[in-house]
N, C-alpha and C. Protein backbone atom coordinates (compact mmCIF):
# COMPACT_ATOMS: atom_id res chain seq x y z
N MET A 1 4.85 1.09 -4.73
CA MET A 1 4.24 0.33 -5.82
C MET A 1 5.28 0.11 -6.92
N HIS A 2 5.28 -1.08 -7.47
CA HIS A 2 6.25 -1.45 -8.51
C HIS A 2 5.72 -1.10 -9.90
N GLU A 3 6.65 -0.93 -10.81
CA GLU A 3 6.27 -0.69 -12.20
C GLU A 3 5.70 -1.97 -12.80
N ALA A 4 4.80 -1.81 -13.74
CA ALA A 4 4.31 -2.96 -14.49
C ALA A 4 5.46 -3.54 -15.30
N THR A 5 5.34 -4.82 -15.64
CA THR A 5 6.36 -5.49 -16.42
C THR A 5 5.72 -6.23 -17.58
N GLY A 6 6.26 -6.03 -18.75
CA GLY A 6 5.85 -6.80 -19.92
C GLY A 6 6.96 -7.76 -20.27
N ILE A 7 6.64 -9.03 -20.41
CA ILE A 7 7.63 -10.06 -20.71
C ILE A 7 7.29 -10.63 -22.08
N LEU A 8 8.22 -10.51 -23.01
CA LEU A 8 8.01 -10.97 -24.38
C LEU A 8 9.13 -11.93 -24.76
N GLU A 9 8.77 -13.19 -25.04
CA GLU A 9 9.74 -14.18 -25.49
C GLU A 9 9.69 -14.24 -27.01
N VAL A 10 10.86 -14.14 -27.63
CA VAL A 10 10.95 -14.17 -29.09
C VAL A 10 12.05 -15.13 -29.53
N TYR A 11 12.04 -15.47 -30.81
CA TYR A 11 13.08 -16.33 -31.38
C TYR A 11 14.26 -15.49 -31.84
N GLY A 12 15.39 -15.57 -31.13
CA GLY A 12 16.63 -14.97 -31.58
C GLY A 12 16.92 -13.57 -31.10
N VAL A 13 18.20 -13.25 -31.08
CA VAL A 13 18.69 -11.96 -30.60
C VAL A 13 18.28 -10.82 -31.53
N THR A 14 18.36 -11.03 -32.82
CA THR A 14 17.97 -9.97 -33.76
C THR A 14 16.50 -9.60 -33.56
N THR A 15 15.65 -10.60 -33.44
CA THR A 15 14.23 -10.34 -33.21
C THR A 15 14.03 -9.59 -31.90
N ALA A 16 14.80 -9.93 -30.87
CA ALA A 16 14.69 -9.24 -29.59
C ALA A 16 15.03 -7.76 -29.73
N PHE A 17 16.07 -7.44 -30.47
CA PHE A 17 16.44 -6.04 -30.67
C PHE A 17 15.38 -5.29 -31.48
N VAL A 18 14.85 -5.93 -32.51
CA VAL A 18 13.80 -5.30 -33.32
C VAL A 18 12.56 -5.05 -32.46
N ALA A 19 12.16 -6.03 -31.67
CA ALA A 19 11.00 -5.89 -30.79
C ALA A 19 11.23 -4.81 -29.74
N CYS A 20 12.41 -4.81 -29.15
CA CYS A 20 12.76 -3.82 -28.13
C CYS A 20 12.70 -2.40 -28.70
N ASP A 21 13.27 -2.23 -29.87
CA ASP A 21 13.26 -0.92 -30.52
C ASP A 21 11.84 -0.44 -30.78
N ALA A 22 11.01 -1.33 -31.32
CA ALA A 22 9.62 -0.96 -31.61
C ALA A 22 8.86 -0.61 -30.34
N GLY A 23 9.05 -1.41 -29.29
CA GLY A 23 8.35 -1.15 -28.03
C GLY A 23 8.76 0.15 -27.39
N CYS A 24 10.04 0.45 -27.42
CA CYS A 24 10.54 1.69 -26.82
C CYS A 24 10.11 2.93 -27.62
N LYS A 25 9.95 2.78 -28.92
CA LYS A 25 9.49 3.89 -29.75
C LYS A 25 7.98 4.12 -29.58
N ALA A 26 7.25 3.08 -29.21
CA ALA A 26 5.80 3.17 -29.11
C ALA A 26 5.31 3.73 -27.78
N ALA A 27 6.14 3.63 -26.73
CA ALA A 27 5.66 4.04 -25.40
C ALA A 27 6.83 4.44 -24.50
N ASP A 28 6.48 5.13 -23.43
CA ASP A 28 7.47 5.58 -22.46
C ASP A 28 7.76 4.44 -21.48
N VAL A 29 8.66 3.54 -21.90
CA VAL A 29 9.05 2.39 -21.09
C VAL A 29 10.56 2.33 -20.99
N ARG A 30 11.03 1.54 -20.06
CA ARG A 30 12.46 1.23 -20.00
C ARG A 30 12.59 -0.28 -20.13
N VAL A 31 13.79 -0.74 -20.38
CA VAL A 31 14.02 -2.16 -20.65
C VAL A 31 14.96 -2.74 -19.60
N GLU A 32 14.59 -3.88 -19.05
CA GLU A 32 15.49 -4.65 -18.17
C GLU A 32 16.45 -5.43 -19.08
N ASN A 33 17.46 -6.06 -18.47
CA ASN A 33 18.39 -6.89 -19.25
C ASN A 33 17.63 -7.97 -20.01
N PHE A 34 18.06 -8.24 -21.23
CA PHE A 34 17.51 -9.38 -21.97
C PHE A 34 17.88 -10.65 -21.22
N ASP A 35 17.11 -11.69 -21.42
CA ASP A 35 17.42 -13.01 -20.88
C ASP A 35 17.37 -13.99 -22.04
N LYS A 36 17.95 -15.16 -21.87
CA LYS A 36 17.94 -16.13 -22.96
C LYS A 36 17.68 -17.53 -22.42
N ASN A 37 17.23 -18.36 -23.32
CA ASN A 37 16.99 -19.77 -23.01
C ASN A 37 17.30 -20.55 -24.27
N LYS A 38 18.18 -21.51 -24.15
CA LYS A 38 18.50 -22.36 -25.29
C LYS A 38 17.78 -23.69 -25.07
N PRO A 39 16.73 -23.94 -25.83
CA PRO A 39 15.98 -25.19 -25.66
C PRO A 39 16.87 -26.41 -25.86
N ALA A 40 16.58 -27.48 -25.12
CA ALA A 40 17.36 -28.71 -25.21
C ALA A 40 17.30 -29.29 -26.62
N ASP A 41 16.16 -29.20 -27.26
CA ASP A 41 16.00 -29.70 -28.63
C ASP A 41 15.41 -28.60 -29.50
N PRO A 42 16.28 -27.79 -30.13
CA PRO A 42 15.78 -26.68 -30.93
C PRO A 42 15.28 -27.08 -32.32
N THR A 43 15.21 -28.38 -32.60
CA THR A 43 14.74 -28.85 -33.89
C THR A 43 13.36 -28.28 -34.18
N GLY A 44 13.21 -27.69 -35.33
CA GLY A 44 11.91 -27.15 -35.72
C GLY A 44 11.70 -25.70 -35.33
N LEU A 45 12.60 -25.13 -34.52
CA LEU A 45 12.46 -23.72 -34.16
C LEU A 45 13.09 -22.86 -35.25
N PRO A 46 12.54 -21.65 -35.47
CA PRO A 46 13.12 -20.78 -36.50
C PRO A 46 14.55 -20.35 -36.16
N VAL A 47 14.85 -20.21 -34.87
CA VAL A 47 16.18 -19.83 -34.37
C VAL A 47 16.40 -20.65 -33.10
N PRO A 48 17.61 -21.19 -32.87
CA PRO A 48 17.82 -22.10 -31.74
C PRO A 48 17.97 -21.44 -30.36
N VAL A 49 17.62 -20.19 -30.22
CA VAL A 49 17.68 -19.54 -28.91
C VAL A 49 16.44 -18.67 -28.74
N ILE A 50 15.90 -18.69 -27.53
CA ILE A 50 14.76 -17.86 -27.19
C ILE A 50 15.26 -16.72 -26.32
N VAL A 51 14.87 -15.49 -26.66
CA VAL A 51 15.32 -14.31 -25.92
C VAL A 51 14.09 -13.63 -25.30
N VAL A 52 14.25 -13.18 -24.07
CA VAL A 52 13.17 -12.51 -23.35
C VAL A 52 13.47 -11.02 -23.28
N VAL A 53 12.51 -10.22 -23.74
CA VAL A 53 12.58 -8.76 -23.64
C VAL A 53 11.64 -8.36 -22.51
N LYS A 54 12.13 -7.51 -21.58
CA LYS A 54 11.32 -7.11 -20.42
C LYS A 54 11.14 -5.59 -20.41
N PHE A 55 9.91 -5.14 -20.65
CA PHE A 55 9.58 -3.72 -20.62
C PHE A 55 9.06 -3.34 -19.23
N ARG A 56 9.42 -2.14 -18.75
CA ARG A 56 8.94 -1.65 -17.45
C ARG A 56 8.34 -0.26 -17.62
N GLY A 57 7.28 0.01 -16.87
CA GLY A 57 6.63 1.32 -16.90
C GLY A 57 5.22 1.22 -16.38
N SER A 58 4.39 2.19 -16.73
CA SER A 58 2.99 2.13 -16.32
C SER A 58 2.31 1.00 -17.09
N VAL A 59 1.17 0.54 -16.58
CA VAL A 59 0.46 -0.55 -17.25
C VAL A 59 0.11 -0.17 -18.68
N SER A 60 -0.39 1.05 -18.88
CA SER A 60 -0.78 1.45 -20.24
C SER A 60 0.43 1.56 -21.17
N ALA A 61 1.54 2.06 -20.66
CA ALA A 61 2.75 2.17 -21.48
C ALA A 61 3.29 0.79 -21.83
N VAL A 62 3.32 -0.10 -20.85
CA VAL A 62 3.81 -1.46 -21.10
C VAL A 62 2.91 -2.17 -22.10
N ARG A 63 1.61 -1.99 -21.97
CA ARG A 63 0.67 -2.61 -22.91
C ARG A 63 0.94 -2.12 -24.34
N ALA A 64 1.13 -0.82 -24.50
CA ALA A 64 1.42 -0.25 -25.83
C ALA A 64 2.75 -0.76 -26.38
N ALA A 65 3.77 -0.81 -25.52
CA ALA A 65 5.08 -1.30 -25.94
C ALA A 65 5.01 -2.76 -26.37
N MET A 66 4.29 -3.56 -25.61
CA MET A 66 4.17 -4.98 -25.93
C MET A 66 3.47 -5.20 -27.27
N GLU A 67 2.41 -4.45 -27.52
CA GLU A 67 1.69 -4.61 -28.79
C GLU A 67 2.61 -4.27 -29.97
N ALA A 68 3.33 -3.17 -29.87
CA ALA A 68 4.25 -2.79 -30.95
C ALA A 68 5.37 -3.81 -31.10
N ALA A 69 5.90 -4.28 -29.98
CA ALA A 69 6.99 -5.25 -30.01
C ALA A 69 6.55 -6.57 -30.63
N LYS A 70 5.35 -7.02 -30.30
CA LYS A 70 4.84 -8.28 -30.86
C LYS A 70 4.69 -8.17 -32.38
N ILE A 71 4.15 -7.07 -32.85
CA ILE A 71 3.98 -6.88 -34.29
C ILE A 71 5.34 -6.90 -34.98
N ALA A 72 6.31 -6.20 -34.39
CA ALA A 72 7.65 -6.15 -34.98
C ALA A 72 8.31 -7.53 -34.98
N ALA A 73 8.17 -8.26 -33.88
CA ALA A 73 8.79 -9.59 -33.77
C ALA A 73 8.18 -10.57 -34.75
N GLU A 74 6.88 -10.49 -34.97
CA GLU A 74 6.23 -11.38 -35.93
C GLU A 74 6.77 -11.16 -37.34
N GLY A 75 7.26 -9.95 -37.61
CA GLY A 75 7.84 -9.66 -38.92
C GLY A 75 9.25 -10.19 -39.11
N VAL A 76 9.86 -10.69 -38.04
CA VAL A 76 11.22 -11.23 -38.14
C VAL A 76 11.16 -12.76 -38.01
N SER A 77 11.21 -13.28 -36.79
CA SER A 77 11.17 -14.74 -36.63
C SER A 77 10.07 -15.22 -35.70
N GLY A 78 9.35 -14.31 -35.08
CA GLY A 78 8.17 -14.72 -34.32
C GLY A 78 8.23 -14.58 -32.82
N VAL A 79 7.06 -14.70 -32.21
CA VAL A 79 6.87 -14.59 -30.77
C VAL A 79 6.61 -15.98 -30.19
N VAL A 80 7.25 -16.27 -29.07
CA VAL A 80 7.03 -17.52 -28.36
C VAL A 80 5.85 -17.34 -27.41
N SER A 81 5.94 -16.32 -26.54
CA SER A 81 4.86 -16.02 -25.60
C SER A 81 5.02 -14.61 -25.07
N SER A 82 3.95 -14.13 -24.41
CA SER A 82 4.02 -12.79 -23.82
C SER A 82 3.08 -12.72 -22.62
N HIS A 83 3.43 -11.84 -21.70
CA HIS A 83 2.59 -11.66 -20.51
C HIS A 83 2.90 -10.30 -19.88
N ILE A 84 1.88 -9.69 -19.30
CA ILE A 84 2.06 -8.44 -18.56
C ILE A 84 1.72 -8.69 -17.10
N ILE A 85 2.62 -8.26 -16.22
CA ILE A 85 2.40 -8.32 -14.77
C ILE A 85 2.19 -6.89 -14.31
N ALA A 86 0.98 -6.57 -13.87
CA ALA A 86 0.64 -5.19 -13.51
C ALA A 86 1.41 -4.69 -12.29
N SER A 87 1.62 -5.54 -11.31
CA SER A 87 2.29 -5.12 -10.08
C SER A 87 3.12 -6.28 -9.53
N PRO A 88 4.37 -6.42 -10.00
CA PRO A 88 5.20 -7.54 -9.57
C PRO A 88 5.50 -7.50 -8.06
N THR A 89 5.59 -8.68 -7.46
CA THR A 89 5.97 -8.79 -6.05
C THR A 89 7.48 -8.58 -5.92
N GLU A 90 7.95 -8.46 -4.69
CA GLU A 90 9.39 -8.30 -4.43
C GLU A 90 10.18 -9.47 -4.99
N ASP A 91 9.68 -10.69 -4.82
CA ASP A 91 10.38 -11.86 -5.33
C ASP A 91 10.46 -11.84 -6.86
N THR A 92 9.38 -11.42 -7.49
CA THR A 92 9.39 -11.31 -8.95
C THR A 92 10.37 -10.24 -9.39
N GLU A 93 10.42 -9.13 -8.67
CA GLU A 93 11.38 -8.06 -8.99
C GLU A 93 12.81 -8.62 -9.00
N LYS A 94 13.14 -9.45 -8.04
CA LYS A 94 14.49 -10.05 -7.99
C LYS A 94 14.74 -10.93 -9.21
N MET A 95 13.74 -11.71 -9.60
CA MET A 95 13.89 -12.60 -10.74
C MET A 95 14.05 -11.83 -12.05
N LEU A 96 13.44 -10.66 -12.13
CA LEU A 96 13.53 -9.86 -13.36
C LEU A 96 14.95 -9.37 -13.62
N LYS A 97 15.78 -9.32 -12.59
CA LYS A 97 17.16 -8.86 -12.74
C LYS A 97 18.09 -9.95 -13.29
N LEU A 98 17.65 -11.20 -13.25
CA LEU A 98 18.49 -12.30 -13.72
C LEU A 98 18.61 -12.29 -15.24
N SER A 99 19.74 -12.77 -15.73
CA SER A 99 19.95 -12.84 -17.17
C SER A 99 20.85 -14.01 -17.52
N GLY A 100 20.39 -14.87 -18.44
CA GLY A 100 21.19 -15.97 -18.93
C GLY A 100 22.35 -15.51 -19.79
N PHE A 101 22.34 -14.26 -20.24
CA PHE A 101 23.44 -13.75 -21.04
C PHE A 101 24.71 -13.56 -20.20
N ASP A 102 24.54 -13.56 -18.87
CA ASP A 102 25.68 -13.43 -17.98
C ASP A 102 26.45 -14.74 -17.84
N LYS A 103 25.88 -15.83 -18.35
CA LYS A 103 26.47 -17.16 -18.21
C LYS A 103 26.89 -17.68 -19.57
N THR A 104 27.83 -18.58 -19.57
CA THR A 104 28.28 -19.17 -20.85
C THR A 104 27.65 -20.51 -21.09
């Protein structure tokens, strides 16, 4: 059985670190590599890059981490979206390892 995954998209790297810190302090979770997405037209966004924070652990731990992370992120530049996957498939597990930070 796979660990649950919480996926939190936020505006900017600083917000991602603040959210990650809050989530890790709130629950017994671990973090996958951050991912990023630079929208084609960032006009109107608070920060021109979207960063994905991925928490892993039990469903209850991930839920607690996500709630704390969302509150923390809203205090910086905001949340784009969030979702919890209770039991990721093998294909999803592979996708969770990808990171746009590895590319220029």
